Amino acid sequence: MKWLEIIELRSVGNNRKLFEQEFKSLIEELNRETEQGAIKVYCRIAIDSDFSIHLLHNSKKADINGSPLVMQLISSLKEYGLINHSVWEEKLSS
């Protein structure tokens, strides 16, 4: 079963450069711990404080509460702003 976790982050604070460096390091570290390319990060067009982090999973069952990796990521990102997390199950594929 393929499923997707999405973390939306609306960052706050004045030191954007420091945040981006720490955020990039965190995502790179997590990508080393997971399948290559399993984590994708997007920035909202015209609102550079909004990020969407997508983690693709392929397992027997989706975890409705989220994977342990995402729970760790959410915990690390909370200090940077508002977080929204959702879990999606693939229904159709091409």
PDB file of N, CA and C in Angstrom:
ATOM      1  N   MET A   1       0.844  -1.160   0.000  1.00  0.00           N
ATOM      2  CA  MET A   1       0.000   0.000   0.000  1.00  0.00           C
ATOM      3  C   MET A   1       0.900   1.237   0.000  1.00  0.00           C
ATOM      4  N   LYS A   2       0.556   2.180  -0.855  1.00  0.00           N
ATOM      5  CA  LYS A   2       1.283   3.444  -0.876  1.00  0.00           C
ATOM      6  C   LYS A   2       0.479   4.485  -0.112  1.00  0.00           C
ATOM      7  N   TRP A   3       1.179   5.235   0.712  1.00  0.00           N
ATOM      8  CA  TRP A   3       0.528   6.299   1.458  1.00  0.00           C
ATOM      9  C   TRP A   3       1.493   7.456   1.638  1.00  0.00           C
ATOM     10  N   LEU A   4       0.924   8.609   1.911  1.00  0.00           N
ATOM     11  CA  LEU A   4       1.679   9.848   1.929  1.00  0.00           C
ATOM     12  C   LEU A   4       1.376  10.622   3.200  1.00  0.00           C
ATOM     13  N   GLU A   5       2.418  11.161   3.797  1.00  0.00           N
ATOM     14  CA  GLU A   5       2.233  12.076   4.923  1.00  0.00           C
ATOM     15  C   GLU A   5       2.644  13.466   4.458  1.00  0.00           C
ATOM     16  N   ILE A   6       1.835  14.440   4.827  1.00  0.00           N
ATOM     17  CA  ILE A   6       2.130  15.827   4.477  1.00  0.00           C
ATOM     18  C   ILE A   6       2.206  16.641   5.762  1.00  0.00           C
ATOM     19  N   ILE A   7       3.314  17.339   5.903  1.00  0.00           N
ATOM     20  CA  ILE A   7       3.480  18.282   7.007  1.00  0.00           C
ATOM     21  C   ILE A   7       3.499  19.665   6.388  1.00  0.00           C
ATOM     22  N   GLU A   8       2.609  20.521   6.836  1.00  0.00           N
ATOM     23  CA  GLU A   8       2.616  21.906   6.397  1.00  0.00           C
ATOM     24  C   GLU A   8       3.192  22.744   7.530  1.00  0.00           C
ATOM     25  N   LEU A   9       4.145  23.601   7.188  1.00  0.00           N
ATOM     26  CA  LEU A   9       4.790  24.458   8.170  1.00  0.00           C
ATOM     27  C   LEU A   9       4.654  25.909   7.734  1.00  0.00           C
ATOM     28  N   ARG A  10       4.096  26.728   8.588  1.00  0.00           N
ATOM     29  CA  ARG A  10       4.113  28.182   8.391  1.00  0.00           C
ATOM     30  C   ARG A  10       5.126  28.722   9.381  1.00  0.00           C
ATOM     31  N   SER A  11       6.296  29.063   8.861  1.00  0.00           N
ATOM     32  CA  SER A  11       7.388  29.484   9.727  1.00  0.00           C
ATOM     33  C   SER A  11       7.188  30.918  10.213  1.00  0.00           C
ATOM     34  N   VAL A  12       7.731  31.179  11.385  1.00  0.00           N
ATOM     35  CA  VAL A  12       7.672  32.512  11.985  1.00  0.00           C
ATOM     36  C   VAL A  12       9.070  32.882  12.449  1.00  0.00           C
ATOM     37  N   GLY A  13       9.280  34.134  12.701  1.00  0.00           N
ATOM     38  CA  GLY A  13      10.584  34.574  13.196  1.00  0.00           C
ATOM     39  C   GLY A  13      11.290  35.449  12.192  1.00  0.00           C
ATOM     40  N   ASN A  14      12.326  36.073  12.680  1.00  0.00           N
ATOM     41  CA  ASN A  14      13.029  37.060  11.866  1.00  0.00           C
ATOM     42  C   ASN A  14      14.267  36.518  11.168  1.00  0.00           C
ATOM     43  N   ASN A  15      14.869  35.466  11.685  1.00  0.00           N
ATOM     44  CA  ASN A  15      16.123  34.988  11.130  1.00  0.00           C
ATOM     45  C   ASN A  15      15.877  33.880  10.107  1.00  0.00           C
ATOM     46  N   ARG A  16      15.411  34.257   8.948  1.00  0.00           N
ATOM     47  CA  ARG A  16      15.023  33.314   7.905  1.00  0.00           C
ATOM     48  C   ARG A  16      16.218  32.491   7.409  1.00  0.00           C
ATOM     49  N   LYS A  17      17.370  33.106   7.244  1.00  0.00           N
ATOM     50  CA  LYS A  17      18.561  32.399   6.743  1.00  0.00           C
ATOM     51  C   LYS A  17      18.970  31.266   7.689  1.00  0.00           C
ATOM     52  N   LEU A  18      18.986  31.545   8.983  1.00  0.00           N
ATOM     53  CA  LEU A  18      19.337  30.522   9.967  1.00  0.00           C
ATOM     54  C   LEU A  18      18.325  29.385   9.927  1.00  0.00           C
ATOM     55  N   PHE A  19      17.033  29.726   9.860  1.00  0.00           N
ATOM     56  CA  PHE A  19      15.988  28.706   9.781  1.00  0.00           C
ATOM     57  C   PHE A  19      16.198  27.822   8.564  1.00  0.00           C
ATOM     58  N   GLU A  20      16.446  28.416   7.393  1.00  0.00           N
ATOM     59  CA  GLU A  20      16.608  27.642   6.166  1.00  0.00           C
ATOM     60  C   GLU A  20      17.805  26.695   6.254  1.00  0.00           C
ATOM     61  N   GLN A  21      18.899  27.137   6.857  1.00  0.00           N
ATOM     62  CA  GLN A  21      20.080  26.284   7.008  1.00  0.00           C
ATOM     63  C   GLN A  21      19.776  25.094   7.921  1.00  0.00           C
ATOM     64  N   GLU A  22      19.140  25.354   9.057  1.00  0.00           N
ATOM     65  CA  GLU A  22      18.814  24.277   9.999  1.00  0.00           C
ATOM     66  C   GLU A  22      17.790  23.317   9.392  1.00  0.00           C
ATOM     67  N   PHE A  23      16.804  23.870   8.696  1.00  0.00           N
ATOM     68  CA  PHE A  23      15.760  23.077   8.053  1.00  0.00           C
ATOM     69  C   PHE A  23      16.375  22.167   6.987  1.00  0.00           C
ATOM     70  N   LYS A  24      17.257  22.709   6.165  1.00  0.00           N
ATOM     71  CA  LYS A  24      17.911  21.929   5.112  1.00  0.00           C
ATOM     72  C   LYS A  24      18.729  20.796   5.725  1.00  0.00           C
ATOM     73  N   SER A  25      19.471  21.078   6.777  1.00  0.00           N
ATOM     74  CA  SER A  25      20.276  20.044   7.443  1.00  0.00           C
ATOM     75  C   SER A  25      19.397  18.929   8.000  1.00  0.00           C
ATOM     76  N   LEU A  26      18.284  19.308   8.617  1.00  0.00           N
ATOM     77  CA  LEU A  26      17.360  18.325   9.186  1.00  0.00           C
ATOM     78  C   LEU A  26      16.792  17.416   8.106  1.00  0.00           C
ATOM     79  N   ILE A  27      16.348  17.973   6.996  1.00  0.00           N
ATOM     80  CA  ILE A  27      15.772  17.174   5.902  1.00  0.00           C
ATOM     81  C   ILE A  27      16.833  16.278   5.276  1.00  0.00           C
ATOM     82  N   GLU A  28      18.048  16.791   5.085  1.00  0.00           N
ATOM     83  CA  GLU A  28      19.120  15.968   4.521  1.00  0.00           C
ATOM     84  C   GLU A  28      19.439  14.783   5.427  1.00  0.00           C
ATOM     85  N   GLU A  29      19.460  15.021   6.728  1.00  0.00           N
ATOM     86  CA  GLU A  29      19.717  13.944   7.685  1.00  0.00           C
ATOM     87  C   GLU A  29      18.611  12.883   7.617  1.00  0.00           C
ATOM     88  N   LEU A  30      17.370  13.326   7.562  1.00  0.00           N
ATOM     89  CA  LEU A  30      16.256  12.376   7.482  1.00  0.00           C
ATOM     90  C   LEU A  30      16.266  11.614   6.165  1.00  0.00           C
ATOM     91  N   ASN A  31      16.643  12.266   5.069  1.00  0.00           N
ATOM     92  CA  ASN A  31      16.724  11.582   3.775  1.00  0.00           C
ATOM     93  C   ASN A  31      17.784  10.488   3.799  1.00  0.00           C
ATOM     94  N   ARG A  32      18.857  10.679   4.547  1.00  0.00           N
ATOM     95  CA  ARG A  32      19.885   9.641   4.663  1.00  0.00           C
ATOM     96  C   ARG A  32      19.350   8.429   5.422  1.00  0.00           C
ATOM     97  N   GLU A  33      18.393   8.667   6.336  1.00  0.00           N
ATOM     98  CA  GLU A  33      17.843   7.587   7.156  1.00  0.00           C
ATOM     99  C   GLU A  33      16.702   6.837   6.464  1.00  0.00           C
ATOM    100  N   THR A  34      16.173   7.395   5.388  1.00  0.00           N
ATOM    101  CA  THR A  34      15.046   6.774   4.691  1.00  0.00           C
ATOM    102  C   THR A  34      15.454   6.388   3.283  1.00  0.00           C
ATOM    103  N   GLU A  35      14.482   5.870   2.536  1.00  0.00           N
ATOM    104  CA  GLU A  35      14.729   5.565   1.131  1.00  0.00           C
ATOM    105  C   GLU A  35      15.065   6.857   0.401  1.00  0.00           C
ATOM    106  N   GLN A  36      15.971   6.755  -0.550  1.00  0.00           N
ATOM    107  CA  GLN A  36      16.370   7.945  -1.290  1.00  0.00           C
ATOM    108  C   GLN A  36      15.167   8.535  -2.016  1.00  0.00           C
ATOM    109  N   GLY A  37      14.978   9.828  -1.862  1.00  0.00           N
ATOM    110  CA  GLY A  37      13.893  10.511  -2.536  1.00  0.00           C
ATOM    111  C   GLY A  37      12.548  10.371  -1.867  1.00  0.00           C
ATOM    112  N   ALA A  38      12.507   9.772  -0.681  1.00  0.00           N
ATOM    113  CA  ALA A  38      11.232   9.559  -0.008  1.00  0.00           C
ATOM    114  C   ALA A  38      10.690  10.841   0.610  1.00  0.00           C
ATOM    115  N   ILE A  39      11.563  11.842   0.809  1.00  0.00           N
ATOM    116  CA  ILE A  39      11.137  13.102   1.411  1.00  0.00           C
ATOM    117  C   ILE A  39      11.319  14.214   0.393  1.00  0.00           C
ATOM    118  N   LYS A  40      10.245  14.943   0.140  1.00  0.00           N
ATOM    119  CA  LYS A  40      10.269  16.083  -0.779  1.00  0.00           C
ATOM    120  C   LYS A  40       9.795  17.312  -0.013  1.00  0.00           C
ATOM    121  N   VAL A  41      10.428  18.456  -0.288  1.00  0.00           N
ATOM    122  CA  VAL A  41      10.071  19.707   0.380  1.00  0.00           C
ATOM    123  C   VAL A  41       9.678  20.721  -0.689  1.00  0.00           C
ATOM    124  N   TYR A  42       8.563  21.393  -0.445  1.00  0.00           N
ATOM    125  CA  TYR A  42       8.067  22.414  -1.354  1.00  0.00           C
ATOM    126  C   TYR A  42       7.901  23.715  -0.587  1.00  0.00           C
ATOM    127  N   CYS A  43       8.085  24.823  -1.294  1.00  0.00           N
ATOM    128  CA  CYS A  43       7.855  26.144  -0.717  1.00  0.00           C
ATOM    129  C   CYS A  43       6.707  26.780  -1.492  1.00  0.00           C
ATOM    130  N   ARG A  44       5.799  27.399  -0.783  1.00  0.00           N
ATOM    131  CA  ARG A  44       4.631  27.994  -1.417  1.00  0.00           C
ATOM    132  C   ARG A  44       5.031  29.196  -2.264  1.00  0.00           C
ATOM    133  N   ILE A  45       4.499  29.267  -3.464  1.00  0.00           N
ATOM    134  CA  ILE A  45       4.775  30.386  -4.362  1.00  0.00           C
ATOM    135  C   ILE A  45       4.177  31.649  -3.759  1.00  0.00           C
ATOM    136  N   ALA A  46       4.989  32.697  -3.711  1.00  0.00           N
ATOM    137  CA  ALA A  46       4.600  34.032  -3.242  1.00  0.00           C
ATOM    138  C   ALA A  46       4.462  34.142  -1.721  1.00  0.00           C
ATOM    139  N   ILE A  47       4.605  33.044  -0.997  1.00  0.00           N
ATOM    140  CA  ILE A  47       4.592  33.096   0.472  1.00  0.00           C
ATOM    141  C   ILE A  47       5.765  32.251   0.944  1.00  0.00           C
ATOM    142  N   ASP A  48       6.924  32.884   1.075  1.00  0.00           N
ATOM    143  CA  ASP A  48       8.140  32.118   1.331  1.00  0.00           C
ATOM    144  C   ASP A  48       8.280  31.614   2.761  1.00  0.00           C
ATOM    145  N   SER A  49       7.267  31.832   3.576  1.00  0.00           N
ATOM    146  CA  SER A  49       7.300  31.290   4.938  1.00  0.00           C
ATOM    147  C   SER A  49       6.526  29.978   5.057  1.00  0.00           C
ATOM    148  N   ASP A  50       5.889  29.543   3.976  1.00  0.00           N
ATOM    149  CA  ASP A  50       5.099  28.311   3.983  1.00  0.00           C
ATOM    150  C   ASP A  50       5.857  27.184   3.292  1.00  0.00           C
ATOM    151  N   PHE A  51       5.931  26.030   3.978  1.00  0.00           N
ATOM    152  CA  PHE A  51       6.588  24.853   3.432  1.00  0.00           C
ATOM    153  C   PHE A  51       5.637  23.664   3.501  1.00  0.00           C
ATOM    154  N   SER A  52       5.779  22.757   2.555  1.00  0.00           N
ATOM    155  CA  SER A  52       5.034  21.510   2.553  1.00  0.00           C
ATOM    156  C   SER A  52       6.054  20.382   2.399  1.00  0.00           C
ATOM    157  N   ILE A  53       6.059  19.474   3.361  1.00  0.00           N
ATOM    158  CA  ILE A  53       7.006  18.369   3.378  1.00  0.00           C
ATOM    159  C   ILE A  53       6.217  17.089   3.126  1.00  0.00           C
ATOM    160  N   HIS A  54       6.609  16.338   2.099  1.00  0.00           N
ATOM    161  CA  HIS A  54       5.889  15.135   1.701  1.00  0.00           C
ATOM    162  C   HIS A  54       6.773  13.920   1.915  1.00  0.00           C
ATOM    163  N   LEU A  55       6.242  12.942   2.619  1.00  0.00           N
ATOM    164  CA  LEU A  55       6.954  11.681   2.858  1.00  0.00           C
ATOM    165  C   LEU A  55       6.136  10.542   2.278  1.00  0.00           C
ATOM    166  N   LEU A  56       6.687   9.871   1.291  1.00  0.00           N
ATOM    167  CA  LEU A  56       6.010   8.772   0.618  1.00  0.00           C
ATOM    168  C   LEU A  56       6.408   7.454   1.269  1.00  0.00           C
ATOM    169  N   HIS A  57       5.396   6.636   1.574  1.00  0.00           N
ATOM    170  CA  HIS A  57       5.621   5.335   2.207  1.00  0.00           C
ATOM    171  C   HIS A  57       5.043   4.231   1.322  1.00  0.00           C
ATOM    172  N   ASN A  58       5.616   3.051   1.441  1.00  0.00           N
ATOM    173  CA  ASN A  58       5.094   1.870   0.778  1.00  0.00           C
ATOM    174  C   ASN A  58       5.188   0.728   1.776  1.00  0.00           C
ATOM    175  N   SER A  59       4.067   0.435   2.449  1.00  0.00           N
ATOM    176  CA  SER A  59       4.058  -0.601   3.480  1.00  0.00           C
ATOM    177  C   SER A  59       2.721  -1.323   3.465  1.00  0.00           C
ATOM    178  N   LYS A  60       2.600  -2.346   4.291  1.00  0.00           N
ATOM    179  CA  LYS A  60       1.371  -3.130   4.319  1.00  0.00           C
ATOM    180  C   LYS A  60       0.183  -2.339   4.842  1.00  0.00           C
ATOM    181  N   LYS A  61       0.448  -1.402   5.746  1.00  0.00           N
ATOM    182  CA  LYS A  61      -0.638  -0.654   6.372  1.00  0.00           C
ATOM    183  C   LYS A  61      -0.193   0.774   6.639  1.00  0.00           C
ATOM    184  N   ALA A  62      -1.111   1.712   6.417  1.00  0.00           N
ATOM    185  CA  ALA A  62      -0.831   3.117   6.730  1.00  0.00           C
ATOM    186  C   ALA A  62      -1.067   3.350   8.216  1.00  0.00           C
ATOM    187  N   ASP A  63      -0.232   4.156   8.797  1.00  0.00           N
ATOM    188  CA  ASP A  63      -0.378   4.514  10.211  1.00  0.00           C
ATOM    189  C   ASP A  63      -1.209   5.784  10.297  1.00  0.00           C
ATOM    190  N   ILE A  64      -2.435   5.683  10.766  1.00  0.00           N
ATOM    191  CA  ILE A  64      -3.369   6.806  10.801  1.00  0.00           C
ATOM    192  C   ILE A  64      -2.830   7.998  11.601  1.00  0.00           C
ATOM    193  N   ASN A  65      -1.994   7.731  12.595  1.00  0.00           N
ATOM    194  CA  ASN A  65      -1.431   8.795  13.420  1.00  0.00           C
ATOM    195  C   ASN A  65      -0.111   9.332  12.878  1.00  0.00           C
ATOM    196  N   GLY A  66       0.429   8.692  11.866  1.00  0.00           N
ATOM    197  CA  GLY A  66       1.692   9.112  11.291  1.00  0.00           C
ATOM    198  C   GLY A  66       2.827   8.195  11.686  1.00  0.00           C
ATOM    199  N   SER A  67       3.848   8.218  10.884  1.00  0.00           N
ATOM    200  CA  SER A  67       5.013   7.370  11.124  1.00  0.00           C
ATOM    201  C   SER A  67       5.875   7.943  12.247  1.00  0.00           C
ATOM    202  N   PRO A  68       6.674   7.091  12.883  1.00  0.00           N
ATOM    203  CA  PRO A  68       7.582   7.586  13.919  1.00  0.00           C
ATOM    204  C   PRO A  68       8.539   8.663  13.388  1.00  0.00           C
ATOM    205  N   LEU A  69       8.981   8.512  12.146  1.00  0.00           N
ATOM    206  CA  LEU A  69       9.874   9.498  11.537  1.00  0.00           C
ATOM    207  C   LEU A  69       9.211  10.868  11.457  1.00  0.00           C
ATOM    208  N   VAL A  70       7.949  10.893  11.057  1.00  0.00           N
ATOM    209  CA  VAL A  70       7.231  12.166  10.948  1.00  0.00           C
ATOM    210  C   VAL A  70       6.955  12.753  12.332  1.00  0.00           C
ATOM    211  N   MET A  71       6.667  11.916  13.301  1.00  0.00           N
ATOM    212  CA  MET A  71       6.468  12.434  14.654  1.00  0.00           C
ATOM    213  C   MET A  71       7.748  13.108  15.158  1.00  0.00           C
ATOM    214  N   GLN A  72       8.895  12.516  14.833  1.00  0.00           N
ATOM    215  CA  GLN A  72      10.187  13.110  15.190  1.00  0.00           C
ATOM    216  C   GLN A  72      10.380  14.441  14.462  1.00  0.00           C
ATOM    217  N   LEU A  73      10.051  14.462  13.192  1.00  0.00           N
ATOM    218  CA  LEU A  73      10.190  15.682  12.385  1.00  0.00           C
ATOM    219  C   LEU A  73       9.278  16.793  12.902  1.00  0.00           C
ATOM    220  N   ILE A  74       8.040  16.458  13.199  1.00  0.00           N
ATOM    221  CA  ILE A  74       7.094  17.446  13.731  1.00  0.00           C
ATOM    222  C   ILE A  74       7.618  18.025  15.044  1.00  0.00           C
ATOM    223  N   SER A  75       8.132  17.177  15.904  1.00  0.00           N
ATOM    224  CA  SER A  75       8.676  17.629  17.172  1.00  0.00           C
ATOM    225  C   SER A  75       9.818  18.627  16.960  1.00  0.00           C
ATOM    226  N   SER A  76      10.655  18.361  15.976  1.00  0.00           N
ATOM    227  CA  SER A  76      11.782  19.246  15.682  1.00  0.00           C
ATOM    228  C   SER A  76      11.336  20.557  15.048  1.00  0.00           C
ATOM    229  N   LEU A  77      10.255  20.525  14.273  1.00  0.00           N
ATOM    230  CA  LEU A  77       9.821  21.716  13.538  1.00  0.00           C
ATOM    231  C   LEU A  77       8.914  22.649  14.333  1.00  0.00           C
ATOM    232  N   LYS A  78       8.331  22.179  15.420  1.00  0.00           N
ATOM    233  CA  LYS A  78       7.378  22.990  16.188  1.00  0.00           C
ATOM    234  C   LYS A  78       7.952  24.331  16.628  1.00  0.00           C
ATOM    235  N   GLU A  79       9.243  24.365  16.900  1.00  0.00           N
ATOM    236  CA  GLU A  79       9.851  25.614  17.358  1.00  0.00           C
ATOM    237  C   GLU A  79       9.902  26.674  16.254  1.00  0.00           C
ATOM    238  N   TYR A  80       9.701  26.265  14.999  1.00  0.00           N
ATOM    239  CA  TYR A  80       9.802  27.196  13.880  1.00  0.00           C
ATOM    240  C   TYR A  80       8.477  27.808  13.452  1.00  0.00           C
ATOM    241  N   GLY A  81       7.357  27.278  13.938  1.00  0.00           N
ATOM    242  CA  GLY A  81       6.082  27.853  13.542  1.00  0.00           C
ATOM    243  C   GLY A  81       4.919  26.889  13.698  1.00  0.00           C
ATOM    244  N   LEU A  82       3.862  27.172  12.958  1.00  0.00           N
ATOM    245  CA  LEU A  82       2.637  26.370  13.024  1.00  0.00           C
ATOM    246  C   LEU A  82       2.751  25.147  12.128  1.00  0.00           C
ATOM    247  N   ILE A  83       2.266  24.015  12.650  1.00  0.00           N
ATOM    248  CA  ILE A  83       2.373  22.733  11.953  1.00  0.00           C
ATOM    249  C   ILE A  83       0.979  22.146  11.726  1.00  0.00           C
ATOM    250  N   ASN A  84       0.781  21.592  10.529  1.00  0.00           N
ATOM    251  CA  ASN A  84      -0.409  20.798  10.232  1.00  0.00           C
ATOM    252  C   ASN A  84       0.085  19.491   9.616  1.00  0.00           C
ATOM    253  N   HIS A  85      -0.479  18.364  10.053  1.00  0.00           N
ATOM    254  CA  HIS A  85      -0.046  17.048   9.586  1.00  0.00           C
ATOM    255  C   HIS A  85      -1.255  16.267   9.107  1.00  0.00           C
ATOM    256  N   SER A  86      -1.117  15.612   7.949  1.00  0.00           N
ATOM    257  CA  SER A  86      -2.202  14.775   7.448  1.00  0.00           C
ATOM    258  C   SER A  86      -1.624  13.515   6.800  1.00  0.00           C
ATOM    259  N   VAL A  87      -2.428  12.456   6.782  1.00  0.00           N
ATOM    260  CA  VAL A  87      -2.038  11.168   6.211  1.00  0.00           C
ATOM    261  C   VAL A  87      -3.004  10.845   5.083  1.00  0.00           C
ATOM    262  N   TRP A  88      -2.453  10.462   3.928  1.00  0.00           N
ATOM    263  CA  TRP A  88      -3.240  10.175   2.724  1.00  0.00           C
ATOM    264  C   TRP A  88      -2.914   8.797   2.210  1.00  0.00           C
ATOM    265  N   GLU A  89      -3.933   8.086   1.748  1.00  0.00           N
ATOM    266  CA  GLU A  89      -3.767   6.752   1.178  1.00  0.00           C
ATOM    267  C   GLU A  89      -3.987   6.833  -0.325  1.00  0.00           C
ATOM    268  N   GLU A  90      -3.089   6.212  -1.091  1.00  0.00           N
ATOM    269  CA  GLU A  90      -3.220   6.214  -2.557  1.00  0.00           C
ATOM    270  C   GLU A  90      -4.389   5.328  -2.973  1.00  0.00           C
ATOM    271  N   LYS A  91      -5.237   5.849  -3.835  1.00  0.00           N
ATOM    272  CA  LYS A  91      -6.387   5.079  -4.325  1.00  0.00           C
ATOM    273  C   LYS A  91      -6.258   4.753  -5.803  1.00  0.00           C
ATOM    274  N   LEU A  92      -5.744   5.681  -6.580  1.00  0.00           N
ATOM    275  CA  LEU A  92      -5.575   5.489  -8.015  1.00  0.00           C
ATOM    276  C   LEU A  92      -4.141   5.801  -8.389  1.00  0.00           C
ATOM    277  N   SER A  93      -3.585   5.044  -9.301  1.00  0.00           N
ATOM    278  CA  SER A  93      -2.247   5.352  -9.792  1.00  0.00           C
ATOM    279  C   SER A  93      -2.214   5.111 -11.281  1.00  0.00           C
ATOM    280  N   SER A  94      -1.284   5.784 -11.926  1.00  0.00           N
ATOM    281  CA  SER A  94      -1.194   5.629 -13.391  1.00  0.00           C
ATOM    282  C   SER A  94      -0.181   4.608 -13.783  1.00  0.00           C
TER     283      SER A  94
END
